[in-house]
Amino acid sequence: MLAAILGAYGPATGWMRRPALRVAAGFGSGMRMGDTCGAVTGAFMVLGLASCGESCGTARERQPACDAVVSFAAEFRRRHGTLACRDLLGVDVSTPRLAQR
């Protein structure tokens, strides 16, 4: 899911589709552990790309991205009850059979 989010929205923030998909390749299924959903992680990455300019080296420069991530996570959690992939899907995706998808 992360690859889909970053691949779809990354280009609007200056990321080309192929590099975005490569960066996102290992994050699916809650980073293969059922933890934070790949769609949420992808949204965090896109929010960072959209909120930070070229200079994002200090805490102050990263603050808009941090604020956007906190806001997004709170709203996602309010709507879905969790950020965890295993809970959203209702299955433990960290099992070897499911993690390979």
PDB file of N, CA and C in Angstrom:
ATOM      1  N   MET A   1       0.813  -1.187   0.000  1.00  0.00           N
ATOM      2  CA  MET A   1       0.000   0.000   0.000  1.00  0.00           C
ATOM      3  C   MET A   1       0.862   1.259   0.000  1.00  0.00           C
ATOM      4  N   LEU A   2       1.976   1.216   0.733  1.00  0.00           N
ATOM      5  CA  LEU A   2       2.862   2.374   0.753  1.00  0.00           C
ATOM      6  C   LEU A   2       3.337   2.699  -0.646  1.00  0.00           C
ATOM      7  N   ALA A   3       3.732   1.684  -1.393  1.00  0.00           N
ATOM      8  CA  ALA A   3       4.206   1.914  -2.751  1.00  0.00           C
ATOM      9  C   ALA A   3       3.124   2.572  -3.594  1.00  0.00           C
ATOM     10  N   ALA A   4       1.888   2.156  -3.410  1.00  0.00           N
ATOM     11  CA  ALA A   4       0.788   2.753  -4.167  1.00  0.00           C
ATOM     12  C   ALA A   4       0.606   4.219  -3.801  1.00  0.00           C
ATOM     13  N   ILE A   5       0.660   4.529  -2.511  1.00  0.00           N
ATOM     14  CA  ILE A   5       0.488   5.916  -2.059  1.00  0.00           C
ATOM     15  C   ILE A   5       1.641   6.783  -2.545  1.00  0.00           C
ATOM     16  N   LEU A   6       2.860   6.338  -2.277  1.00  0.00           N
ATOM     17  CA  LEU A   6       4.025   7.131  -2.669  1.00  0.00           C
ATOM     18  C   LEU A   6       4.150   7.206  -4.183  1.00  0.00           C
ATOM     19  N   GLY A   7       3.843   6.108  -4.866  1.00  0.00           N
ATOM     20  CA  GLY A   7       3.894   6.107  -6.329  1.00  0.00           C
ATOM     21  C   GLY A   7       2.865   7.038  -6.942  1.00  0.00           C
ATOM     22  N   ALA A   8       1.693   7.122  -6.319  1.00  0.00           N
ATOM     23  CA  ALA A   8       0.625   7.974  -6.848  1.00  0.00           C
ATOM     24  C   ALA A   8       0.833   9.447  -6.522  1.00  0.00           C
ATOM     25  N   TYR A   9       1.230   9.740  -5.284  1.00  0.00           N
ATOM     26  CA  TYR A   9       1.305  11.134  -4.850  1.00  0.00           C
ATOM     27  C   TYR A   9       2.717  11.707  -4.868  1.00  0.00           C
ATOM     28  N   GLY A  10       3.727  10.861  -4.875  1.00  0.00           N
ATOM     29  CA  GLY A  10       5.104  11.337  -4.894  1.00  0.00           C
ATOM     30  C   GLY A  10       5.428  12.253  -6.055  1.00  0.00           C
ATOM     31  N   PRO A  11       5.022  11.899  -7.291  1.00  0.00           N
ATOM     32  CA  PRO A  11       5.359  12.763  -8.419  1.00  0.00           C
ATOM     33  C   PRO A  11       4.850  14.204  -8.277  1.00  0.00           C
ATOM     34  N   ALA A  12       3.735  14.396  -7.599  1.00  0.00           N
ATOM     35  CA  ALA A  12       3.212  15.752  -7.399  1.00  0.00           C
ATOM     36  C   ALA A  12       4.128  16.579  -6.493  1.00  0.00           C
ATOM     37  N   THR A  13       4.988  15.890  -5.734  1.00  0.00           N
ATOM     38  CA  THR A  13       5.907  16.581  -4.839  1.00  0.00           C
ATOM     39  C   THR A  13       7.342  16.546  -5.355  1.00  0.00           C
ATOM     40  N   GLY A  14       7.518  16.088  -6.585  1.00  0.00           N
ATOM     41  CA  GLY A  14       8.838  16.089  -7.189  1.00  0.00           C
ATOM     42  C   GLY A  14       9.515  14.735  -7.264  1.00  0.00           C
ATOM     43  N   TRP A  15       8.924  13.718  -6.684  1.00  0.00           N
ATOM     44  CA  TRP A  15       9.500  12.373  -6.755  1.00  0.00           C
ATOM     45  C   TRP A  15       9.022  11.690  -8.007  1.00  0.00           C
ATOM     46  N   MET A  16       9.928  11.089  -8.714  1.00  0.00           N
ATOM     47  CA  MET A  16       9.559  10.302  -9.873  1.00  0.00           C
ATOM     48  C   MET A  16       8.994   8.967  -9.387  1.00  0.00           C
ATOM     49  N   ARG A  17       8.124   8.387 -10.165  1.00  0.00           N
ATOM     50  CA  ARG A  17       7.408   7.177  -9.761  1.00  0.00           C
ATOM     51  C   ARG A  17       8.346   5.998  -9.445  1.00  0.00           C
ATOM     52  N   ARG A  18       9.280   5.698 -10.317  1.00  0.00           N
ATOM     53  CA  ARG A  18      10.147   4.535 -10.101  1.00  0.00           C
ATOM     54  C   ARG A  18      10.989   4.651  -8.826  1.00  0.00           C
ATOM     55  N   PRO A  19      11.682   5.775  -8.585  1.00  0.00           N
ATOM     56  CA  PRO A  19      12.417   5.880  -7.318  1.00  0.00           C
ATOM     57  C   PRO A  19      11.491   5.805  -6.095  1.00  0.00           C
ATOM     58  N   ALA A  20      10.308   6.362  -6.212  1.00  0.00           N
ATOM     59  CA  ALA A  20       9.352   6.301  -5.101  1.00  0.00           C
ATOM     60  C   ALA A  20       8.968   4.854  -4.808  1.00  0.00           C
ATOM     61  N   LEU A  21       8.717   4.073  -5.856  1.00  0.00           N
ATOM     62  CA  LEU A  21       8.364   2.671  -5.662  1.00  0.00           C
ATOM     63  C   LEU A  21       9.532   1.882  -5.079  1.00  0.00           C
ATOM     64  N   ARG A  22      10.742   2.219  -5.484  1.00  0.00           N
ATOM     65  CA  ARG A  22      11.924   1.532  -4.944  1.00  0.00           C
ATOM     66  C   ARG A  22      12.096   1.839  -3.457  1.00  0.00           C
ATOM     67  N   VAL A  23      11.948   3.093  -3.084  1.00  0.00           N
ATOM     68  CA  VAL A  23      12.072   3.474  -1.677  1.00  0.00           C
ATOM     69  C   VAL A  23      11.016   2.755  -0.839  1.00  0.00           C
ATOM     70  N   ALA A  24       9.832   2.595  -1.374  1.00  0.00           N
ATOM     71  CA  ALA A  24       8.705   2.025  -0.636  1.00  0.00           C
ATOM     72  C   ALA A  24       8.670   0.504  -0.636  1.00  0.00           C
ATOM     73  N   ALA A  25       9.523  -0.144  -1.400  1.00  0.00           N
ATOM     74  CA  ALA A  25       9.417  -1.585  -1.629  1.00  0.00           C
ATOM     75  C   ALA A  25       9.363  -2.435  -0.360  1.00  0.00           C
ATOM     76  N   GLY A  26      10.098  -2.105   0.658  1.00  0.00           N
ATOM     77  CA  GLY A  26      10.150  -2.932   1.856  1.00  0.00           C
ATOM     78  C   GLY A  26       9.160  -2.587   2.941  1.00  0.00           C
ATOM     79  N   PHE A  27       8.291  -1.615   2.685  1.00  0.00           N
ATOM     80  CA  PHE A  27       7.414  -1.122   3.738  1.00  0.00           C
ATOM     81  C   PHE A  27       6.030  -1.769   3.788  1.00  0.00           C
ATOM     82  N   GLY A  28       5.676  -2.560   2.805  1.00  0.00           N
ATOM     83  CA  GLY A  28       4.336  -3.129   2.753  1.00  0.00           C
ATOM     84  C   GLY A  28       4.028  -4.054   3.916  1.00  0.00           C
ATOM     85  N   SER A  29       2.757  -4.310   4.128  1.00  0.00           N
ATOM     86  CA  SER A  29       2.272  -5.179   5.216  1.00  0.00           C
ATOM     87  C   SER A  29       2.799  -4.726   6.565  1.00  0.00           C
ATOM     88  N   GLY A  30       2.756  -3.432   6.791  1.00  0.00           N
ATOM     89  CA  GLY A  30       3.249  -2.923   8.069  1.00  0.00           C
ATOM     90  C   GLY A  30       4.714  -3.216   8.274  1.00  0.00           C
ATOM     91  N   MET A  31       5.493  -2.989   7.234  1.00  0.00           N
ATOM     92  CA  MET A  31       6.927  -3.266   7.208  1.00  0.00           C
ATOM     93  C   MET A  31       7.203  -4.743   7.433  1.00  0.00           C
ATOM     94  N   ARG A  32       6.279  -5.557   6.910  1.00  0.00           N
ATOM     95  CA  ARG A  32       6.335  -7.015   6.984  1.00  0.00           C
ATOM     96  C   ARG A  32       6.195  -7.546   8.411  1.00  0.00           C
ATOM     97  N   MET A  33       5.750  -6.675   9.322  1.00  0.00           N
ATOM     98  CA  MET A  33       5.595  -7.074  10.717  1.00  0.00           C
ATOM     99  C   MET A  33       4.177  -6.825  11.223  1.00  0.00           C
ATOM    100  N   GLY A  34       3.314  -6.283  10.379  1.00  0.00           N
ATOM    101  CA  GLY A  34       1.945  -6.003  10.783  1.00  0.00           C
ATOM    102  C   GLY A  34       1.802  -4.736  11.597  1.00  0.00           C
ATOM    103  N   ASP A  35       2.871  -3.946  11.674  1.00  0.00           N
ATOM    104  CA  ASP A  35       2.811  -2.721  12.465  1.00  0.00           C
ATOM    105  C   ASP A  35       2.173  -1.599  11.646  1.00  0.00           C
ATOM    106  N   THR A  36       2.695  -0.405  11.737  1.00  0.00           N
ATOM    107  CA  THR A  36       2.054   0.738  11.087  1.00  0.00           C
ATOM    108  C   THR A  36       1.779   0.438   9.619  1.00  0.00           C
ATOM    109  N   CYS A  37       0.542   0.644   9.240  1.00  0.00           N
ATOM    110  CA  CYS A  37       0.047   0.352   7.891  1.00  0.00           C
ATOM    111  C   CYS A  37       0.886   1.070   6.833  1.00  0.00           C
ATOM    112  N   GLY A  38       1.146   0.374   5.745  1.00  0.00           N
ATOM    113  CA  GLY A  38       1.902   0.965   4.646  1.00  0.00           C
ATOM    114  C   GLY A  38       1.230   2.189   4.056  1.00  0.00           C
ATOM    115  N   ALA A  39      -0.097   2.201   4.021  1.00  0.00           N
ATOM    116  CA  ALA A  39      -0.805   3.381   3.511  1.00  0.00           C
ATOM    117  C   ALA A  39      -0.548   4.582   4.419  1.00  0.00           C
ATOM    118  N   VAL A  40      -0.504   4.343   5.718  1.00  0.00           N
ATOM    119  CA  VAL A  40      -0.217   5.419   6.671  1.00  0.00           C
ATOM    120  C   VAL A  40       1.230   5.874   6.507  1.00  0.00           C
ATOM    121  N   THR A  41       2.156   4.926   6.414  1.00  0.00           N
ATOM    122  CA  THR A  41       3.561   5.262   6.234  1.00  0.00           C
ATOM    123  C   THR A  41       3.765   6.041   4.936  1.00  0.00           C
ATOM    124  N   GLY A  42       3.087   5.615   3.881  1.00  0.00           N
ATOM    125  CA  GLY A  42       3.163   6.332   2.611  1.00  0.00           C
ATOM    126  C   GLY A  42       2.628   7.745   2.732  1.00  0.00           C
ATOM    127  N   ALA A  43       1.525   7.889   3.450  1.00  0.00           N
ATOM    128  CA  ALA A  43       0.968   9.230   3.665  1.00  0.00           C
ATOM    129  C   ALA A  43       1.960  10.095   4.433  1.00  0.00           C
ATOM    130  N   PHE A  44       2.626   9.521   5.446  1.00  0.00           N
ATOM    131  CA  PHE A  44       3.633  10.273   6.198  1.00  0.00           C
ATOM    132  C   PHE A  44       4.746  10.759   5.273  1.00  0.00           C
ATOM    133  N   MET A  45       5.188   9.880   4.377  1.00  0.00           N
ATOM    134  CA  MET A  45       6.260  10.262   3.447  1.00  0.00           C
ATOM    135  C   MET A  45       5.803  11.380   2.518  1.00  0.00           C
ATOM    136  N   VAL A  46       4.604  11.253   1.991  1.00  0.00           N
ATOM    137  CA  VAL A  46       4.076  12.284   1.094  1.00  0.00           C
ATOM    138  C   VAL A  46       3.894  13.598   1.856  1.00  0.00           C
ATOM    139  N   LEU A  47       3.422  13.536   3.093  1.00  0.00           N
ATOM    140  CA  LEU A  47       3.277  14.753   3.896  1.00  0.00           C
ATOM    141  C   LEU A  47       4.636  15.410   4.123  1.00  0.00           C
ATOM    142  N   GLY A  48       5.668  14.614   4.346  1.00  0.00           N
ATOM    143  CA  GLY A  48       7.008  15.164   4.489  1.00  0.00           C
ATOM    144  C   GLY A  48       7.485  15.837   3.213  1.00  0.00           C
ATOM    145  N   LEU A  49       7.257  15.163   2.089  1.00  0.00           N
ATOM    146  CA  LEU A  49       7.649  15.745   0.795  1.00  0.00           C
ATOM    147  C   LEU A  49       6.891  17.040   0.515  1.00  0.00           C
ATOM    148  N   ALA A  50       5.608  17.057   0.872  1.00  0.00           N
ATOM    149  CA  ALA A  50       4.781  18.232   0.598  1.00  0.00           C
ATOM    150  C   ALA A  50       5.030  19.373   1.585  1.00  0.00           C
ATOM    151  N   SER A  51       5.452  19.045   2.802  1.00  0.00           N
ATOM    152  CA  SER A  51       5.562  20.057   3.854  1.00  0.00           C
ATOM    153  C   SER A  51       6.947  20.654   4.015  1.00  0.00           C
ATOM    154  N   CYS A  52       7.970  19.959   3.557  1.00  0.00           N
ATOM    155  CA  CYS A  52       9.351  20.443   3.717  1.00  0.00           C
ATOM    156  C   CYS A  52       9.912  20.847   2.365  1.00  0.00           C
ATOM    157  N   GLY A  53      10.604  21.938   2.371  1.00  0.00           N
ATOM    158  CA  GLY A  53      11.293  22.356   1.152  1.00  0.00           C
ATOM    159  C   GLY A  53      12.616  21.620   1.039  1.00  0.00           C
ATOM    160  N   GLU A  54      13.476  22.107   0.186  1.00  0.00           N
ATOM    161  CA  GLU A  54      14.791  21.491  -0.006  1.00  0.00           C
ATOM    162  C   GLU A  54      15.594  21.491   1.295  1.00  0.00           C
ATOM    163  N   SER A  55      15.412  22.530   2.088  1.00  0.00           N
ATOM    164  CA  SER A  55      16.122  22.613   3.353  1.00  0.00           C
ATOM    165  C   SER A  55      15.213  22.114   4.462  1.00  0.00           C
ATOM    166  N   CYS A  56      15.531  20.956   4.985  1.00  0.00           N
ATOM    167  CA  CYS A  56      14.710  20.355   6.033  1.00  0.00           C
ATOM    168  C   CYS A  56      15.631  19.761   7.090  1.00  0.00           C
ATOM    169  N   GLY A  57      16.751  20.454   7.330  1.00  0.00           N
ATOM    170  CA  GLY A  57      17.795  19.918   8.184  1.00  0.00           C
ATOM    171  C   GLY A  57      17.677  20.233   9.659  1.00  0.00           C
ATOM    172  N   THR A  58      16.799  21.146  10.014  1.00  0.00           N
ATOM    173  CA  THR A  58      16.663  21.482  11.432  1.00  0.00           C
ATOM    174  C   THR A  58      15.269  21.099  11.913  1.00  0.00           C
ATOM    175  N   ALA A  59      15.157  20.987  13.221  1.00  0.00           N
ATOM    176  CA  ALA A  59      13.845  20.663  13.805  1.00  0.00           C
ATOM    177  C   ALA A  59      12.805  21.715  13.412  1.00  0.00           C
ATOM    178  N   ARG A  60      13.207  22.950  13.392  1.00  0.00           N
ATOM    179  CA  ARG A  60      12.262  24.030  13.030  1.00  0.00           C
ATOM    180  C   ARG A  60      11.787  23.888  11.580  1.00  0.00           C
ATOM    181  N   GLU A  61      12.689  23.525  10.687  1.00  0.00           N
ATOM    182  CA  GLU A  61      12.328  23.357   9.282  1.00  0.00           C
ATOM    183  C   GLU A  61      11.460  22.118   9.062  1.00  0.00           C
ATOM    184  N   ARG A  62      11.604  21.116   9.929  1.00  0.00           N
ATOM    185  CA  ARG A  62      10.790  19.889   9.825  1.00  0.00           C
ATOM    186  C   ARG A  62       9.446  20.010  10.525  1.00  0.00           C
ATOM    187  N   GLN A  63       9.260  21.055  11.312  1.00  0.00           N
ATOM    188  CA  GLN A  63       8.054  21.174  12.124  1.00  0.00           C
ATOM    189  C   GLN A  63       6.750  21.104  11.312  1.00  0.00           C
ATOM    190  N   PRO A  64       6.658  21.740  10.140  1.00  0.00           N
ATOM    191  CA  PRO A  64       5.409  21.610   9.372  1.00  0.00           C
ATOM    192  C   PRO A  64       5.085  20.160   9.010  1.00  0.00           C
ATOM    193  N   ALA A  65       6.105  19.379   8.674  1.00  0.00           N
ATOM    194  CA  ALA A  65       5.885  17.964   8.360  1.00  0.00           C
ATOM    195  C   ALA A  65       5.452  17.210   9.610  1.00  0.00           C
ATOM    196  N   CYS A  66       6.105  17.480  10.722  1.00  0.00           N
ATOM    197  CA  CYS A  66       5.749  16.811  11.984  1.00  0.00           C
ATOM    198  C   CYS A  66       4.313  17.124  12.369  1.00  0.00           C
ATOM    199  N   ASP A  67       3.928  18.376  12.242  1.00  0.00           N
ATOM    200  CA  ASP A  67       2.551  18.774  12.568  1.00  0.00           C
ATOM    201  C   ASP A  67       1.552  18.063  11.657  1.00  0.00           C
ATOM    202  N   ALA A  68       1.879  17.980  10.374  1.00  0.00           N
ATOM    203  CA  ALA A  68       0.983  17.318   9.417  1.00  0.00           C
ATOM    204  C   ALA A  68       0.850  15.832   9.728  1.00  0.00           C
ATOM    205  N   VAL A  69       1.952  15.175  10.091  1.00  0.00           N
ATOM    206  CA  VAL A  69       1.932  13.750  10.418  1.00  0.00           C
ATOM    207  C   VAL A  69       1.095  13.498  11.673  1.00  0.00           C
ATOM    208  N   VAL A  70       1.292  14.313  12.709  1.00  0.00           N
ATOM    209  CA  VAL A  70       0.530  14.149  13.948  1.00  0.00           C
ATOM    210  C   VAL A  70      -0.962  14.325  13.677  1.00  0.00           C
ATOM    211  N   SER A  71      -1.302  15.327  12.894  1.00  0.00           N
ATOM    212  CA  SER A  71      -2.708  15.585  12.562  1.00  0.00           C
ATOM    213  C   SER A  71      -3.306  14.439  11.749  1.00  0.00           C
ATOM    214  N   PHE A  72      -2.570  13.989  10.731  1.00  0.00           N
ATOM    215  CA  PHE A  72      -3.052  12.893   9.898  1.00  0.00           C
ATOM    216  C   PHE A  72      -3.246  11.627  10.724  1.00  0.00           C
ATOM    217  N   ALA A  73      -2.255  11.291  11.564  1.00  0.00           N
ATOM    218  CA  ALA A  73      -2.336  10.079  12.376  1.00  0.00           C
ATOM    219  C   ALA A  73      -3.525  10.124  13.327  1.00  0.00           C
ATOM    220  N   ALA A  74      -3.767  11.272  13.922  1.00  0.00           N
ATOM    221  CA  ALA A  74      -4.907  11.403  14.841  1.00  0.00           C
ATOM    222  C   ALA A  74      -6.223  11.197  14.103  1.00  0.00           C
ATOM    223  N   GLU A  75      -6.334  11.785  12.929  1.00  0.00           N
ATOM    224  CA  GLU A  75      -7.576  11.635  12.153  1.00  0.00           C
ATOM    225  C   GLU A  75      -7.745  10.206  11.646  1.00  0.00           C
ATOM    226  N   PHE A  76      -6.669   9.593  11.186  1.00  0.00           N
ATOM    227  CA  PHE A  76      -6.739   8.208  10.717  1.00  0.00           C
ATOM    228  C   PHE A  76      -7.148   7.294  11.869  1.00  0.00           C
ATOM    229  N   ARG A  77      -6.532   7.492  13.026  1.00  0.00           N
ATOM    230  CA  ARG A  77      -6.852   6.681  14.199  1.00  0.00           C
ATOM    231  C   ARG A  77      -8.302   6.916  14.629  1.00  0.00           C
ATOM    232  N   ARG A  78      -8.772   8.153  14.555  1.00  0.00           N
ATOM    233  CA  ARG A  78     -10.161   8.453  14.904  1.00  0.00           C
ATOM    234  C   ARG A  78     -11.126   7.705  13.984  1.00  0.00           C
ATOM    235  N   ARG A  79     -10.795   7.684  12.700  1.00  0.00           N
ATOM    236  CA  ARG A  79     -11.683   7.040  11.725  1.00  0.00           C
ATOM    237  C   ARG A  79     -11.600   5.514  11.735  1.00  0.00           C
ATOM    238  N   HIS A  80     -10.395   4.983  11.980  1.00  0.00           N
ATOM    239  CA  HIS A  80     -10.187   3.544  11.824  1.00  0.00           C
ATOM    240  C   HIS A  80      -9.826   2.817  13.123  1.00  0.00           C
ATOM    241  N   GLY A  81      -9.572   3.568  14.182  1.00  0.00           N
ATOM    242  CA  GLY A  81      -9.292   2.970  15.473  1.00  0.00           C
ATOM    243  C   GLY A  81      -7.863   2.534  15.705  1.00  0.00           C
ATOM    244  N   THR A  82      -7.054   2.521  14.682  1.00  0.00           N
ATOM    245  CA  THR A  82      -5.677   2.041  14.797  1.00  0.00           C
ATOM    246  C   THR A  82      -4.867   2.474  13.582  1.00  0.00           C
ATOM    247  N   LEU A  83      -3.560   2.377  13.726  1.00  0.00           N
ATOM    248  CA  LEU A  83      -2.647   2.573  12.594  1.00  0.00           C
ATOM    249  C   LEU A  83      -2.018   1.245  12.187  1.00  0.00           C
ATOM    250  N   ALA A  84      -2.263   0.195  12.964  1.00  0.00           N
ATOM    251  CA  ALA A  84      -1.609  -1.099  12.762  1.00  0.00           C
ATOM    252  C   ALA A  84      -2.257  -1.897  11.639  1.00  0.00           C
ATOM    253  N   CYS A  85      -1.432  -2.342  10.736  1.00  0.00           N
ATOM    254  CA  CYS A  85      -1.881  -3.115   9.579  1.00  0.00           C
ATOM    255  C   CYS A  85      -2.639  -4.373  10.008  1.00  0.00           C
ATOM    256  N   ARG A  86      -2.090  -5.112  10.970  1.00  0.00           N
ATOM    257  CA  ARG A  86      -2.733  -6.374  11.394  1.00  0.00           C
ATOM    258  C   ARG A  86      -4.138  -6.124  11.919  1.00  0.00           C
ATOM    259  N   ASP A  87      -4.343  -4.996  12.596  1.00  0.00           N
ATOM    260  CA  ASP A  87      -5.664  -4.687  13.133  1.00  0.00           C
ATOM    261  C   ASP A  87      -6.613  -4.161  12.050  1.00  0.00           C
ATOM    262  N   LEU A  88      -6.079  -3.384  11.145  1.00  0.00           N
ATOM    263  CA  LEU A  88      -6.900  -2.854  10.049  1.00  0.00           C
ATOM    264  C   LEU A  88      -7.393  -3.975   9.140  1.00  0.00           C
ATOM    265  N   LEU A  89      -6.511  -4.946   8.872  1.00  0.00           N
ATOM    266  CA  LEU A  89      -6.863  -6.046   7.978  1.00  0.00           C
ATOM    267  C   LEU A  89      -7.532  -7.212   8.696  1.00  0.00           C
ATOM    268  N   GLY A  90      -7.361  -7.271  10.022  1.00  0.00           N
ATOM    269  CA  GLY A  90      -7.929  -8.378  10.773  1.00  0.00           C
ATOM    270  C   GLY A  90      -7.188  -9.685  10.584  1.00  0.00           C
ATOM    271  N   VAL A  91      -5.916  -9.600  10.206  1.00  0.00           N
ATOM    272  CA  VAL A  91      -5.095 -10.791  10.007  1.00  0.00           C
ATOM    273  C   VAL A  91      -3.641 -10.414  10.311  1.00  0.00           C
ATOM    274  N   ASP A  92      -2.896 -11.361  10.848  1.00  0.00           N
ATOM    275  CA  ASP A  92      -1.487 -11.120  11.141  1.00  0.00           C
ATOM    276  C   ASP A  92      -0.680 -11.285   9.861  1.00  0.00           C
ATOM    277  N   VAL A  93      -0.365 -10.179   9.235  1.00  0.00           N
ATOM    278  CA  VAL A  93       0.344 -10.211   7.952  1.00  0.00           C
ATOM    279  C   VAL A  93       1.828 -10.500   8.109  1.00  0.00           C
ATOM    280  N   SER A  94       2.294 -10.652   9.343  1.00  0.00           N
ATOM    281  CA  SER A  94       3.711 -10.951   9.534  1.00  0.00           C
ATOM    282  C   SER A  94       4.008 -12.438   9.375  1.00  0.00           C
ATOM    283  N   THR A  95       2.967 -13.258   9.225  1.00  0.00           N
ATOM    284  CA  THR A  95       3.210 -14.675   9.002  1.00  0.00           C
ATOM    285  C   THR A  95       3.895 -14.846   7.659  1.00  0.00           C
ATOM    286  N   PRO A  96       4.828 -15.800   7.552  1.00  0.00           N
ATOM    287  CA  PRO A  96       5.606 -15.922   6.310  1.00  0.00           C
ATOM    288  C   PRO A  96       4.754 -16.000   5.039  1.00  0.00           C
ATOM    289  N   ARG A  97       3.665 -16.723   5.063  1.00  0.00           N
ATOM    290  CA  ARG A  97       2.819 -16.881   3.865  1.00  0.00           C
ATOM    291  C   ARG A  97       2.222 -15.541   3.436  1.00  0.00           C
ATOM    292  N   LEU A  98       1.727 -14.762   4.383  1.00  0.00           N
ATOM    293  CA  LEU A  98       1.078 -13.496   4.050  1.00  0.00           C
ATOM    294  C   LEU A  98       2.062 -12.368   3.812  1.00  0.00           C
ATOM    295  N   ALA A  99       3.196 -12.392   4.476  1.00  0.00           N
ATOM    296  CA  ALA A  99       4.171 -11.323   4.331  1.00  0.00           C
ATOM    297  C   ALA A  99       4.793 -11.270   2.954  1.00  0.00           C
ATOM    298  N   GLN A 100       4.735 -12.353   2.198  1.00  0.00           N
ATOM    299  CA  GLN A 100       5.337 -12.406   0.870  1.00  0.00           C
ATOM    300  C   GLN A 100       4.470 -11.787  -0.213  1.00  0.00           C
ATOM    301  N   ARG A 101       3.263 -11.392   0.122  1.00  0.00           N
ATOM    302  CA  ARG A 101       2.368 -10.801  -0.886  1.00  0.00           C
ATOM    303  C   ARG A 101       2.836  -9.466  -1.360  1.00  0.00           C
TER     304      ARG A 101
END
